[in-house]
């Protein structure tokens, strides 16, 4: 999760629609990712479905993803 967090800028703004608060800054995002990783089984994988830039700004993107466990998609994590 540290490696994943390091892909973000120090002043990133990360919104996960499953959580009520926005995570501001790389350190807060890293802590969020570590908390998520500690709460899910090691068989969980986050699968990226779509990446799209916002308004042509390369520093702003949207990512749609779902979670799989042992190769099977978890139904509550996939947008239909």
PDB file of N, CA and C in Angstrom:
ATOM      1  N   UNK A   1       0.815  -1.188   0.000  1.00  0.00           N
ATOM      2  CA  UNK A   1       0.000   0.000   0.000  1.00  0.00           C
ATOM      3  C   UNK A   1       0.865   1.260   0.000  1.00  0.00           C
ATOM      4  N   UNK A   2       2.051   1.145   0.587  1.00  0.00           N
ATOM      5  CA  UNK A   2       2.959   2.289   0.550  1.00  0.00           C
ATOM      6  C   UNK A   2       3.338   2.604  -0.894  1.00  0.00           C
ATOM      7  N   UNK A   3       3.636   1.576  -1.672  1.00  0.00           N
ATOM      8  CA  UNK A   3       3.988   1.787  -3.085  1.00  0.00           C
ATOM      9  C   UNK A   3       2.815   2.398  -3.841  1.00  0.00           C
ATOM     10  N   UNK A   4       1.606   1.954  -3.558  1.00  0.00           N
ATOM     11  CA  UNK A   4       0.419   2.522  -4.215  1.00  0.00           C
ATOM     12  C   UNK A   4       0.251   3.985  -3.830  1.00  0.00           C
ATOM     13  N   UNK A   5       0.391   4.298  -2.568  1.00  0.00           N
ATOM     14  CA  UNK A   5       0.239   5.683  -2.111  1.00  0.00           C
ATOM     15  C   UNK A   5       1.299   6.584  -2.734  1.00  0.00           C
ATOM     16  N   UNK A   6       2.494   6.049  -2.942  1.00  0.00           N
ATOM     17  CA  UNK A   6       3.580   6.854  -3.515  1.00  0.00           C
ATOM     18  C   UNK A   6       3.330   7.247  -4.966  1.00  0.00           C
ATOM     19  N   UNK A   7       2.335   6.650  -5.610  1.00  0.00           N
ATOM     20  CA  UNK A   7       1.977   7.042  -6.973  1.00  0.00           C
ATOM     21  C   UNK A   7       1.188   8.347  -7.004  1.00  0.00           C
ATOM     22  N   UNK A   8       0.722   8.785  -5.844  1.00  0.00           N
ATOM     23  CA  UNK A   8      -0.084  10.000  -5.740  1.00  0.00           C
ATOM     24  C   UNK A   8       0.788  11.180  -5.323  1.00  0.00           C
ATOM     25  N   UNK A   9       0.355  12.383  -5.683  1.00  0.00           N
ATOM     26  CA  UNK A   9       1.082  13.579  -5.280  1.00  0.00           C
ATOM     27  C   UNK A   9       0.896  13.821  -3.785  1.00  0.00           C
ATOM     28  N   UNK A  10       1.796  14.592  -3.195  1.00  0.00           N
ATOM     29  CA  UNK A  10       1.707  14.900  -1.768  1.00  0.00           C
ATOM     30  C   UNK A  10       0.404  15.602  -1.405  1.00  0.00           C
ATOM     31  N   UNK A  11      -0.143  16.365  -2.342  1.00  0.00           N
ATOM     32  CA  UNK A  11      -1.361  17.135  -2.066  1.00  0.00           C
ATOM     33  C   UNK A  11      -2.600  16.529  -2.743  1.00  0.00           C
ATOM     34  N   UNK A  12      -2.584  15.222  -2.949  1.00  0.00           N
ATOM     35  CA  UNK A  12      -3.697  14.570  -3.633  1.00  0.00           C
ATOM     36  C   UNK A  12      -4.994  14.704  -2.831  1.00  0.00           C
ATOM     37  N   UNK A  13      -6.096  14.574  -3.551  1.00  0.00           N
ATOM     38  CA  UNK A  13      -7.430  14.519  -2.949  1.00  0.00           C
ATOM     39  C   UNK A  13      -8.048  13.223  -3.454  1.00  0.00           C
ATOM     40  N   UNK A  14      -8.350  12.313  -2.530  1.00  0.00           N
ATOM     41  CA  UNK A  14      -8.825  10.980  -2.885  1.00  0.00           C
ATOM     42  C   UNK A  14     -10.220  10.784  -2.316  1.00  0.00           C
ATOM     43  N   UNK A  15     -11.165  10.509  -3.194  1.00  0.00           N
ATOM     44  CA  UNK A  15     -12.538  10.267  -2.758  1.00  0.00           C
ATOM     45  C   UNK A  15     -12.915   8.830  -3.054  1.00  0.00           C
ATOM     46  N   UNK A  16     -13.243   8.106  -2.023  1.00  0.00           N
ATOM     47  CA  UNK A  16     -13.734   6.737  -2.139  1.00  0.00           C
ATOM     48  C   UNK A  16     -15.199   6.803  -1.755  1.00  0.00           C
ATOM     49  N   UNK A  17     -16.073   6.513  -2.694  1.00  0.00           N
ATOM     50  CA  UNK A  17     -17.504   6.711  -2.466  1.00  0.00           C
ATOM     51  C   UNK A  17     -18.085   5.797  -1.398  1.00  0.00           C
ATOM     52  N   UNK A  18     -17.325   4.825  -0.916  1.00  0.00           N
ATOM     53  CA  UNK A  18     -17.786   3.977   0.186  1.00  0.00           C
ATOM     54  C   UNK A  18     -17.570   4.641   1.548  1.00  0.00           C
ATOM     55  N   UNK A  19     -16.828   5.746   1.578  1.00  0.00           N
ATOM     56  CA  UNK A  19     -16.500   6.413   2.832  1.00  0.00           C
ATOM     57  C   UNK A  19     -17.034   7.846   2.805  1.00  0.00           C
ATOM     58  N   UNK A  20     -17.476   8.353   3.951  1.00  0.00           N
ATOM     59  CA  UNK A  20     -18.096   9.691   3.968  1.00  0.00           C
ATOM     60  C   UNK A  20     -17.109  10.839   3.806  1.00  0.00           C
ATOM     61  N   UNK A  21     -15.843  10.619   4.131  1.00  0.00           N
ATOM     62  CA  UNK A  21     -14.867  11.710   4.082  1.00  0.00           C
ATOM     63  C   UNK A  21     -13.919  11.565   2.901  1.00  0.00           C
ATOM     64  N   UNK A  22     -13.429  12.695   2.444  1.00  0.00           N
ATOM     65  CA  UNK A  22     -12.405  12.738   1.403  1.00  0.00           C
ATOM     66  C   UNK A  22     -11.050  12.635   2.102  1.00  0.00           C
ATOM     67  N   UNK A  23     -10.118  11.936   1.498  1.00  0.00           N
ATOM     68  CA  UNK A  23      -8.778  11.791   2.053  1.00  0.00           C
ATOM     69  C   UNK A  23      -7.876  12.796   1.351  1.00  0.00           C
ATOM     70  N   UNK A  24      -7.326  13.715   2.106  1.00  0.00           N
ATOM     71  CA  UNK A  24      -6.513  14.792   1.547  1.00  0.00           C
ATOM     72  C   UNK A  24      -5.062  14.580   1.947  1.00  0.00           C
ATOM     73  N   UNK A  25      -4.200  14.519   0.947  1.00  0.00           N
ATOM     74  CA  UNK A  25      -2.773  14.335   1.174  1.00  0.00           C
ATOM     75  C   UNK A  25      -2.358  12.875   1.124  1.00  0.00           C
ATOM     76  N   UNK A  26      -1.138  12.666   0.648  1.00  0.00           N
ATOM     77  CA  UNK A  26      -0.615  11.314   0.479  1.00  0.00           C
ATOM     78  C   UNK A  26      -0.570  10.539   1.792  1.00  0.00           C
ATOM     79  N   UNK A  27      -0.194  11.188   2.881  1.00  0.00           N
ATOM     80  CA  UNK A  27      -0.106  10.475   4.158  1.00  0.00           C
ATOM     81  C   UNK A  27      -1.474   9.970   4.613  1.00  0.00           C
ATOM     82  N   UNK A  28      -2.515  10.790   4.450  1.00  0.00           N
ATOM     83  CA  UNK A  28      -3.867  10.348   4.807  1.00  0.00           C
ATOM     84  C   UNK A  28      -4.341   9.224   3.897  1.00  0.00           C
ATOM     85  N   UNK A  29      -4.031   9.331   2.615  1.00  0.00           N
ATOM     86  CA  UNK A  29      -4.392   8.273   1.678  1.00  0.00           C
ATOM     87  C   UNK A  29      -3.681   6.979   2.036  1.00  0.00           C
ATOM     88  N   UNK A  30      -2.398   7.063   2.340  1.00  0.00           N
ATOM     89  CA  UNK A  30      -1.634   5.870   2.713  1.00  0.00           C
ATOM     90  C   UNK A  30      -2.255   5.210   3.937  1.00  0.00           C
ATOM     91  N   UNK A  31      -2.615   5.991   4.945  1.00  0.00           N
ATOM     92  CA  UNK A  31      -3.223   5.418   6.146  1.00  0.00           C
ATOM     93  C   UNK A  31      -4.552   4.745   5.814  1.00  0.00           C
ATOM     94  N   UNK A  32      -5.336   5.373   4.932  1.00  0.00           N
ATOM     95  CA  UNK A  32      -6.601   4.780   4.498  1.00  0.00           C
ATOM     96  C   UNK A  32      -6.351   3.438   3.804  1.00  0.00           C
ATOM     97  N   UNK A  33      -5.400   3.400   2.894  1.00  0.00           N
ATOM     98  CA  UNK A  33      -5.106   2.161   2.168  1.00  0.00           C
ATOM     99  C   UNK A  33      -4.618   1.069   3.112  1.00  0.00           C
ATOM    100  N   UNK A  34      -3.792   1.433   4.079  1.00  0.00           N
ATOM    101  CA  UNK A  34      -3.323   0.445   5.058  1.00  0.00           C
ATOM    102  C   UNK A  34      -4.477  -0.072   5.914  1.00  0.00           C
ATOM    103  N   UNK A  35      -5.400   0.809   6.286  1.00  0.00           N
ATOM    104  CA  UNK A  35      -6.573   0.388   7.059  1.00  0.00           C
ATOM    105  C   UNK A  35      -7.432  -0.584   6.254  1.00  0.00           C
ATOM    106  N   UNK A  36      -7.649  -0.267   4.978  1.00  0.00           N
ATOM    107  CA  UNK A  36      -8.439  -1.151   4.118  1.00  0.00           C
ATOM    108  C   UNK A  36      -7.743  -2.500   3.985  1.00  0.00           C
ATOM    109  N   UNK A  37      -6.449  -2.483   3.729  1.00  0.00           N
ATOM    110  CA  UNK A  37      -5.702  -3.730   3.543  1.00  0.00           C
ATOM    111  C   UNK A  37      -5.745  -4.604   4.791  1.00  0.00           C
ATOM    112  N   UNK A  38      -5.756  -3.992   5.962  1.00  0.00           N
ATOM    113  CA  UNK A  38      -5.775  -4.782   7.194  1.00  0.00           C
ATOM    114  C   UNK A  38      -7.152  -5.372   7.482  1.00  0.00           C
ATOM    115  N   UNK A  39      -8.184  -4.857   6.812  1.00  0.00           N
ATOM    116  CA  UNK A  39      -9.558  -5.297   7.084  1.00  0.00           C
ATOM    117  C   UNK A  39     -10.085  -6.329   6.092  1.00  0.00           C
ATOM    118  N   UNK A  40      -9.342  -6.598   5.035  1.00  0.00           N
ATOM    119  CA  UNK A  40      -9.830  -7.531   4.015  1.00  0.00           C
ATOM    120  C   UNK A  40      -8.908  -8.752   3.940  1.00  0.00           C
ATOM    121  N   UNK A  41      -9.448  -9.886   3.524  1.00  0.00           N
ATOM    122  CA  UNK A  41      -8.612 -11.093   3.395  1.00  0.00           C
ATOM    123  C   UNK A  41      -7.538 -10.910   2.324  1.00  0.00           C
ATOM    124  N   UNK A  42      -6.436 -11.645   2.418  1.00  0.00           N
ATOM    125  CA  UNK A  42      -5.363 -11.518   1.431  1.00  0.00           C
ATOM    126  C   UNK A  42      -5.769 -11.972   0.030  1.00  0.00           C
ATOM    127  N   UNK A  43      -6.909 -12.665  -0.114  1.00  0.00           N
ATOM    128  CA  UNK A  43      -7.364 -13.100  -1.433  1.00  0.00           C
ATOM    129  C   UNK A  43      -8.035 -11.974  -2.214  1.00  0.00           C
ATOM    130  N   UNK A  44      -8.317 -10.838  -1.560  1.00  0.00           N
ATOM    131  CA  UNK A  44      -8.973  -9.717  -2.243  1.00  0.00           C
ATOM    132  C   UNK A  44      -7.997  -9.050  -3.206  1.00  0.00           C
ATOM    133  N   UNK A  45      -8.497  -8.758  -4.397  1.00  0.00           N
ATOM    134  CA  UNK A  45      -7.731  -8.017  -5.397  1.00  0.00           C
ATOM    135  C   UNK A  45      -8.593  -6.878  -5.906  1.00  0.00           C
ATOM    136  N   UNK A  46      -8.002  -5.716  -6.042  1.00  0.00           N
ATOM    137  CA  UNK A  46      -8.700  -4.568  -6.617  1.00  0.00           C
ATOM    138  C   UNK A  46      -8.417  -4.564  -8.114  1.00  0.00           C
ATOM    139  N   UNK A  47      -9.464  -4.651  -8.916  1.00  0.00           N
ATOM    140  CA  UNK A  47      -9.349  -4.737 -10.365  1.00  0.00           C
ATOM    141  C   UNK A  47      -9.819  -3.418 -10.971  1.00  0.00           C
ATOM    142  N   UNK A  48      -8.969  -2.793 -11.751  1.00  0.00           N
ATOM    143  CA  UNK A  48      -9.324  -1.527 -12.394  1.00  0.00           C
ATOM    144  C   UNK A  48     -10.154  -1.814 -13.633  1.00  0.00           C
ATOM    145  N   UNK A  49     -11.332  -1.182 -13.697  1.00  0.00           N
ATOM    146  CA  UNK A  49     -12.232  -1.340 -14.836  1.00  0.00           C
ATOM    147  C   UNK A  49     -12.087  -0.212 -15.853  1.00  0.00           C
ATOM    148  N   UNK A  50     -11.854   0.999 -15.365  1.00  0.00           N
ATOM    149  CA  UNK A  50     -11.821   2.145 -16.266  1.00  0.00           C
ATOM    150  C   UNK A  50     -11.033   3.270 -15.618  1.00  0.00           C
ATOM    151  N   UNK A  51     -10.239   3.962 -16.423  1.00  0.00           N
ATOM    152  CA  UNK A  51      -9.523   5.155 -15.981  1.00  0.00           C
ATOM    153  C   UNK A  51      -9.845   6.259 -16.974  1.00  0.00           C
ATOM    154  N   UNK A  52     -10.267   7.399 -16.460  1.00  0.00           N
ATOM    155  CA  UNK A  52     -10.577   8.502 -17.370  1.00  0.00           C
ATOM    156  C   UNK A  52     -10.111   9.823 -16.779  1.00  0.00           C
ATOM    157  N   UNK A  53      -9.441  10.645 -17.596  1.00  0.00           N
ATOM    158  CA  UNK A  53      -9.025  11.970 -17.137  1.00  0.00           C
ATOM    159  C   UNK A  53     -10.246  12.885 -17.021  1.00  0.00           C
ATOM    160  N   UNK A  54     -10.117  13.897 -16.218  1.00  0.00           N
ATOM    161  CA  UNK A  54     -11.200  14.848 -16.015  1.00  0.00           C
ATOM    162  C   UNK A  54     -10.854  16.173 -16.673  1.00  0.00           C
ATOM    163  N   UNK A  55     -11.699  16.620 -17.584  1.00  0.00           N
ATOM    164  CA  UNK A  55     -11.551  17.930 -18.235  1.00  0.00           C
ATOM    165  C   UNK A  55     -10.198  18.129 -18.895  1.00  0.00           C
ATOM    166  N   UNK A  56      -9.588  17.060 -19.361  1.00  0.00           N
ATOM    167  CA  UNK A  56      -8.314  17.181 -20.062  1.00  0.00           C
ATOM    168  C   UNK A  56      -7.139  17.504 -19.160  1.00  0.00           C
ATOM    169  N   UNK A  57      -7.333  17.482 -17.852  1.00  0.00           N
ATOM    170  CA  UNK A  57      -6.242  17.771 -16.915  1.00  0.00           C
ATOM    171  C   UNK A  57      -5.555  16.455 -16.560  1.00  0.00           C
ATOM    172  N   UNK A  58      -4.286  16.292 -16.923  1.00  0.00           N
ATOM    173  CA  UNK A  58      -3.617  15.016 -16.665  1.00  0.00           C
ATOM    174  C   UNK A  58      -3.440  14.714 -15.176  1.00  0.00           C
ATOM    175  N   UNK A  59      -3.541  15.730 -14.311  1.00  0.00           N
ATOM    176  CA  UNK A  59      -3.349  15.490 -12.883  1.00  0.00           C
ATOM    177  C   UNK A  59      -4.645  15.116 -12.172  1.00  0.00           C
ATOM    178  N   UNK A  60      -5.758  15.094 -12.906  1.00  0.00           N
ATOM    179  CA  UNK A  60      -7.048  14.739 -12.323  1.00  0.00           C
ATOM    180  C   UNK A  60      -7.602  13.551 -13.091  1.00  0.00           C
ATOM    181  N   UNK A  61      -7.861  12.452 -12.375  1.00  0.00           N
ATOM    182  CA  UNK A  61      -8.399  11.264 -13.033  1.00  0.00           C
ATOM    183  C   UNK A  61      -9.520  10.658 -12.207  1.00  0.00           C
ATOM    184  N   UNK A  62     -10.326   9.868 -12.866  1.00  0.00           N
ATOM    185  CA  UNK A  62     -11.340   9.062 -12.198  1.00  0.00           C
ATOM    186  C   UNK A  62     -11.024   7.608 -12.479  1.00  0.00           C
ATOM    187  N   UNK A  63     -11.174   6.769 -11.481  1.00  0.00           N
ATOM    188  CA  UNK A  63     -10.896   5.349 -11.633  1.00  0.00           C
ATOM    189  C   UNK A  63     -12.111   4.565 -11.147  1.00  0.00           C
ATOM    190  N   UNK A  64     -12.589   3.675 -12.000  1.00  0.00           N
ATOM    191  CA  UNK A  64     -13.677   2.769 -11.614  1.00  0.00           C
ATOM    192  C   UNK A  64     -13.056   1.398 -11.421  1.00  0.00           C
ATOM    193  N   UNK A  65     -13.373   0.760 -10.285  1.00  0.00           N
ATOM    194  CA  UNK A  65     -12.767  -0.523  -9.967  1.00  0.00           C
ATOM    195  C   UNK A  65     -13.772  -1.397  -9.250  1.00  0.00           C
ATOM    196  N   UNK A  66     -13.426  -2.659  -9.132  1.00  0.00           N
ATOM    197  CA  UNK A  66     -14.210  -3.590  -8.331  1.00  0.00           C
ATOM    198  C   UNK A  66     -13.246  -4.513  -7.589  1.00  0.00           C
ATOM    199  N   UNK A  67     -13.784  -5.291  -6.681  1.00  0.00           N
ATOM    200  CA  UNK A  67     -12.973  -6.203  -5.883  1.00  0.00           C
ATOM    201  C   UNK A  67     -13.312  -7.636  -6.264  1.00  0.00           C
ATOM    202  N   UNK A  68     -12.286  -8.453  -6.369  1.00  0.00           N
ATOM    203  CA  UNK A  68     -12.470  -9.882  -6.594  1.00  0.00           C
ATOM    204  C   UNK A  68     -11.797 -10.638  -5.449  1.00  0.00           C
ATOM    205  N   UNK A  69     -12.336 -11.812  -5.157  1.00  0.00           N
ATOM    206  CA  UNK A  69     -11.723 -12.714  -4.187  1.00  0.00           C
ATOM    207  C   UNK A  69     -11.634 -14.084  -4.829  1.00  0.00           C
ATOM    208  N   UNK A  70     -10.430 -14.585  -4.920  1.00  0.00           N
ATOM    209  CA  UNK A  70     -10.189 -15.864  -5.600  1.00  0.00           C
ATOM    210  C   UNK A  70     -10.741 -15.868  -7.017  1.00  0.00           C
ATOM    211  N   UNK A  71     -10.626 -14.747  -7.706  1.00  0.00           N
ATOM    212  CA  UNK A  71     -11.053 -14.641  -9.096  1.00  0.00           C
ATOM    213  C   UNK A  71     -12.524 -14.379  -9.310  1.00  0.00           C
ATOM    214  N   UNK A  72     -13.328 -14.322  -8.259  1.00  0.00           N
ATOM    215  CA  UNK A  72     -14.761 -14.057  -8.385  1.00  0.00           C
ATOM    216  C   UNK A  72     -15.071 -12.640  -7.913  1.00  0.00           C
ATOM    217  N   UNK A  73     -15.777 -11.890  -8.757  1.00  0.00           N
ATOM    218  CA  UNK A  73     -16.144 -10.518  -8.409  1.00  0.00           C
ATOM    219  C   UNK A  73     -17.119 -10.507  -7.240  1.00  0.00           C
ATOM    220  N   UNK A  74     -16.895  -9.606  -6.304  1.00  0.00           N
ATOM    221  CA  UNK A  74     -17.840  -9.427  -5.205  1.00  0.00           C
ATOM    222  C   UNK A  74     -18.960  -8.521  -5.703  1.00  0.00           C
ATOM    223  N   UNK A  75     -20.194  -8.958  -5.611  1.00  0.00           N
ATOM    224  CA  UNK A  75     -21.290  -8.243  -6.261  1.00  0.00           C
ATOM    225  C   UNK A  75     -21.497  -6.806  -5.779  1.00  0.00           C
ATOM    226  N   UNK A  76     -21.180  -6.496  -4.551  1.00  0.00           N
ATOM    227  CA  UNK A  76     -21.402  -5.143  -4.053  1.00  0.00           C
ATOM    228  C   UNK A  76     -20.330  -4.165  -4.484  1.00  0.00           C
ATOM    229  N   UNK A  77     -19.302  -4.632  -5.188  1.00  0.00           N
ATOM    230  CA  UNK A  77     -18.206  -3.750  -5.587  1.00  0.00           C
ATOM    231  C   UNK A  77     -18.171  -3.455  -7.071  1.00  0.00           C
ATOM    232  N   UNK A  78     -19.085  -3.970  -7.809  1.00  0.00           N
ATOM    233  CA  UNK A  78     -19.062  -3.775  -9.254  1.00  0.00           C
ATOM    234  C   UNK A  78     -20.258  -2.936  -9.674  1.00  0.00           C
ATOM    235  N   UNK A  79     -19.984  -1.898 -10.450  1.00  0.00           N
ATOM    236  CA  UNK A  79     -21.059  -1.070 -11.000  1.00  0.00           C
ATOM    237  C   UNK A  79     -21.576  -1.732 -12.247  1.00  0.00           C
ATOM    238  N   UNK A  80     -22.889  -1.812 -12.395  1.00  0.00           N
ATOM    239  CA  UNK A  80     -23.463  -2.449 -13.590  1.00  0.00           C
ATOM    240  C   UNK A  80     -23.988  -1.434 -14.539  1.00  0.00           C
TER     241      UNK A  80
END
